[in-house]
């Protein structure tokens, strides 16, 4: 179960961000418009992308040689350093949430949600590349548990901010809260860097 917990914490660390998708989910929650549909689309999309990354890297690992594996580990560290830097940079970011209650048709909500999800390049680097690459050396059952943990984090997060949007909207615009959240994410991702460095040092 430790791999499910690792997947949960890693997925949560990646998804906790001031991004257009998360703000859109909160806005729909505040407007009480198609909340379940929006949360479901975001969660299922994450589920697809998470396991797409895990299966892609699982398939390609049989063609890896030690040099390619070393290169991918180095790329992971570069990704994490950039990720941590972005968290430091956004310590003092101010969030604007639109509470205008103009009704949006279901069809438009579906297209907007899909757009915020699949047209965002970060979703591919965070889910497909990072989670798939990070879990590439796990056993197959460990990969499943890791993916399930990350998926549970997505479902809990999206449905929480969607249905508890009135509560979360106050904290999304609070710089002090985001500073503490980002400190947690930075510390957790720094531990992952050390974990990957251990793999590199054991490279033969």
Protein backbone atom coordinates (compact mmCIF):
# COMPACT_ATOMS: atom_id res chain seq x y z
CA UNK A 1 0.00 0.00 0.00
CA UNK A 2 2.99 2.32 0.34
CA UNK A 3 3.01 2.70 -3.46
CA UNK A 4 -0.65 3.77 -3.44
CA UNK A 5 0.20 6.35 -0.76
CA UNK A 6 3.23 7.49 -2.76
CA UNK A 7 1.02 7.84 -5.84
CA UNK A 8 -1.58 9.76 -3.84
CA UNK A 9 0.95 12.23 -2.37
CA UNK A 10 2.78 12.65 -5.69
CA UNK A 11 -0.46 13.17 -7.63
CA UNK A 12 -1.72 15.63 -5.03
CA UNK A 13 1.56 17.57 -5.11
CA UNK A 14 1.30 17.90 -8.90
CA UNK A 15 -2.37 18.89 -8.97
CA UNK A 16 -2.22 21.45 -6.13
CA UNK A 17 -1.55 24.51 -8.23
CA UNK A 18 -2.99 27.87 -9.17
CA UNK A 19 -3.96 26.82 -12.67
CA UNK A 20 -6.70 27.68 -15.14
CA UNK A 21 -8.31 24.24 -14.79
CA UNK A 22 -8.56 24.37 -10.98
CA UNK A 23 -9.88 27.93 -11.02
CA UNK A 24 -12.48 26.94 -13.66
CA UNK A 25 -13.68 24.04 -11.46
CA UNK A 26 -14.04 26.38 -8.46
CA UNK A 27 -15.88 28.97 -10.58
CA UNK A 28 -18.37 26.34 -11.76
CA UNK A 29 -18.82 25.24 -8.17
CA UNK A 30 -19.52 28.80 -7.04
CA UNK A 31 -22.01 29.22 -9.88
CA UNK A 32 -23.53 25.78 -9.13
CA UNK A 33 -23.50 24.93 -12.83
CA UNK A 34 -22.75 21.39 -14.09
CA UNK A 35 -20.43 20.82 -11.11
CA UNK A 36 -20.60 17.01 -11.18
CA UNK A 37 -19.96 16.90 -14.94
CA UNK A 38 -16.94 19.24 -14.72
CA UNK A 39 -15.39 17.33 -11.80
CA UNK A 40 -16.02 13.99 -13.50
CA UNK A 41 -14.42 15.06 -16.80
CA UNK A 42 -11.34 16.43 -15.01
CA UNK A 43 -10.98 13.32 -12.85
CA UNK A 44 -11.46 10.78 -15.67
CA UNK A 45 -9.07 12.77 -17.89
CA UNK A 46 -6.41 12.58 -15.18
CA UNK A 47 -7.07 8.84 -14.78
CA UNK A 48 -6.55 8.30 -18.54
CA UNK A 49 -3.38 10.42 -18.66
CA UNK A 50 -1.88 8.91 -15.51
CA UNK A 51 -2.22 5.34 -16.74
CA UNK A 52 -1.26 6.33 -20.28
CA UNK A 53 2.08 7.55 -18.90
CA UNK A 54 2.53 4.47 -16.71
CA UNK A 55 1.76 2.05 -19.55
CA UNK A 56 3.87 3.94 -22.10
CA UNK A 57 6.93 3.87 -19.88
CA UNK A 58 6.19 0.27 -18.87
CA UNK A 59 6.12 -0.74 -22.53
CA UNK A 60 9.23 1.21 -23.50
CA UNK A 61 11.33 0.07 -20.52
CA UNK A 62 12.01 -3.21 -22.32
CA UNK A 63 13.83 -1.19 -24.99
CA UNK A 64 15.78 0.95 -22.51
CA UNK A 65 19.50 0.61 -22.15
CA UNK A 66 21.31 1.98 -19.07
CA UNK A 67 22.26 5.21 -20.87
CA UNK A 68 18.64 6.00 -21.80
CA UNK A 69 17.52 5.25 -18.24
CA UNK A 70 20.20 7.57 -16.87
CA UNK A 71 19.11 10.30 -19.30
CA UNK A 72 15.46 9.93 -18.25
CA UNK A 73 16.44 10.19 -14.58
CA UNK A 74 18.40 13.37 -15.31
CA UNK A 75 15.37 14.77 -17.19
CA UNK A 76 13.21 13.93 -14.16
CA UNK A 77 15.51 15.90 -11.89
CA UNK A 78 15.49 18.87 -14.30
CA UNK A 79 11.68 18.70 -14.40
CA UNK A 80 11.48 18.64 -10.59
CA UNK A 81 13.90 21.55 -10.19
CA UNK A 82 11.80 23.59 -12.64
CA UNK A 83 8.62 22.49 -10.82
CA UNK A 84 10.04 23.57 -7.45
CA UNK A 85 11.22 26.88 -8.94
CA UNK A 86 7.69 27.56 -10.25
CA UNK A 87 6.30 26.98 -6.75
CA UNK A 88 8.80 29.44 -5.26
CA UNK A 89 7.99 31.99 -7.98
CA UNK A 90 4.24 31.80 -7.28
CA UNK A 91 4.50 32.34 -3.52
CA UNK A 92 2.85 35.75 -3.84
CA UNK A 93 0.48 35.07 -6.74
CA UNK A 94 -2.94 36.70 -6.52
CA UNK A 95 -5.84 34.60 -7.81
CA UNK A 96 -8.91 36.11 -9.43
CA UNK A 97 -12.06 33.98 -9.35
CA UNK A 98 -15.00 34.94 -11.56
CA UNK A 99 -18.30 34.49 -9.69
CA UNK A 100 -20.44 35.88 -12.49
CA UNK A 101 -23.44 33.54 -12.60
CA UNK A 102 -24.13 33.73 -16.35
CA UNK A 103 -25.47 30.32 -17.34
CA UNK A 104 -23.25 28.17 -19.56
CA UNK A 105 -24.83 25.43 -21.66
CA UNK A 106 -23.79 21.85 -20.95
CA UNK A 107 -22.16 21.45 -24.37
CA UNK A 108 -20.03 24.56 -23.84
CA UNK A 109 -19.04 23.42 -20.35
CA UNK A 110 -17.88 20.07 -21.73
CA UNK A 111 -15.75 21.74 -24.41
CA UNK A 112 -14.32 24.26 -21.95
CA UNK A 113 -13.43 21.56 -19.42
CA UNK A 114 -11.78 19.40 -22.08
CA UNK A 115 -9.92 22.47 -23.37
CA UNK A 116 -8.62 23.44 -19.91
CA UNK A 117 -7.47 19.83 -19.49
CA UNK A 118 -6.05 18.61 -22.80
CA UNK A 119 -4.87 21.92 -24.26
CA UNK A 120 -2.72 22.54 -21.19
CA UNK A 121 0.85 21.35 -21.94
CA UNK A 122 1.58 21.01 -18.22
CA UNK A 123 -0.94 18.18 -17.90
CA UNK A 124 1.22 16.02 -20.18
CA UNK A 125 4.50 16.86 -18.46
CA UNK A 126 2.97 16.34 -15.00
CA UNK A 127 0.99 13.16 -15.60
CA UNK A 128 2.25 11.33 -18.70
CA UNK A 129 5.96 12.18 -18.43
CA UNK A 130 6.57 12.63 -14.73
CA UNK A 131 4.33 9.93 -13.23
CA UNK A 132 5.12 7.46 -16.01
CA UNK A 133 8.86 8.13 -15.88
CA UNK A 134 9.02 8.12 -12.08
CA UNK A 135 7.27 4.73 -11.86
CA UNK A 136 9.20 3.11 -14.73
CA UNK A 137 11.29 0.84 -12.46
CA UNK A 138 8.40 -0.24 -10.21
CA UNK A 139 7.05 -3.77 -10.40
CA UNK A 140 3.81 -4.03 -12.40
CA UNK A 141 1.62 -4.33 -9.28
CA UNK A 142 3.45 -1.36 -7.75
CA UNK A 143 2.72 0.65 -10.91
CA UNK A 144 -0.98 -0.17 -10.65
CA UNK A 145 -1.06 0.86 -6.98
CA UNK A 146 0.92 4.03 -7.73
CA UNK A 147 -1.51 4.95 -10.55
CA UNK A 148 -4.57 4.19 -8.41
CA UNK A 149 -3.20 6.39 -5.62
CA UNK A 150 -2.57 9.28 -8.02
CA UNK A 151 -6.06 8.83 -9.54
CA UNK A 152 -7.72 8.87 -6.11
CA UNK A 153 -5.89 12.14 -5.39
CA UNK A 154 -7.34 13.65 -8.59
CA UNK A 155 -10.90 12.48 -7.87
CA UNK A 156 -10.80 13.73 -4.28
CA UNK A 157 -9.22 17.04 -5.25
CA UNK A 158 -11.56 17.94 -8.13
CA UNK A 159 -14.77 16.89 -6.38
CA UNK A 160 -13.65 18.67 -3.20
CA UNK A 161 -12.90 22.01 -4.87
CA UNK A 162 -16.02 21.66 -7.03
CA UNK A 163 -18.51 20.95 -4.26
CA UNK A 164 -16.72 22.85 -1.51
CA UNK A 165 -15.89 25.78 -3.80
CA UNK A 166 -17.32 28.39 -1.41
CA UNK A 167 -14.90 27.13 1.25
CA UNK A 168 -11.87 26.69 -1.02
CA UNK A 169 -12.34 29.98 -2.92
CA UNK A 170 -11.40 31.92 0.21
CA UNK A 171 -8.13 30.00 0.51
CA UNK A 172 -7.28 30.09 -3.18
CA UNK A 173 -6.94 33.85 -2.87
CA UNK A 174 -4.93 33.71 0.36
CA UNK A 175 -1.19 34.17 -0.18
CA UNK A 176 -0.31 32.81 3.27
CA UNK A 177 -2.18 29.54 2.65
CA UNK A 178 -0.50 29.10 -0.74
CA UNK A 179 2.89 29.71 0.86
CA UNK A 180 2.33 26.80 3.27
CA UNK A 181 0.97 24.55 0.49
CA UNK A 182 3.95 25.33 -1.72
CA UNK A 183 6.40 24.69 1.13
CA UNK A 184 4.88 21.22 1.58
CA UNK A 185 5.09 20.53 -2.18
CA UNK A 186 8.70 21.80 -2.37
CA UNK A 187 9.78 19.57 0.53
CA UNK A 188 8.01 16.51 -0.89
CA UNK A 189 9.40 17.01 -4.40
CA UNK A 190 12.87 17.60 -2.95
CA UNK A 191 12.64 14.16 -1.31
CA UNK A 192 11.79 12.68 -4.70
CA UNK A 193 14.88 14.37 -6.18
CA UNK A 194 17.04 12.63 -3.56
CA UNK A 195 15.29 9.33 -4.35
CA UNK A 196 16.10 9.72 -8.07
CA UNK A 197 19.67 10.80 -7.26
CA UNK A 198 20.02 7.52 -5.39
CA UNK A 199 19.09 5.68 -8.60
CA UNK A 200 21.64 7.69 -10.55
CA UNK A 201 24.40 7.03 -8.01
CA UNK A 202 23.63 3.31 -8.27
CA UNK A 203 23.90 3.52 -12.06
CA UNK A 204 26.33 1.01 -13.44
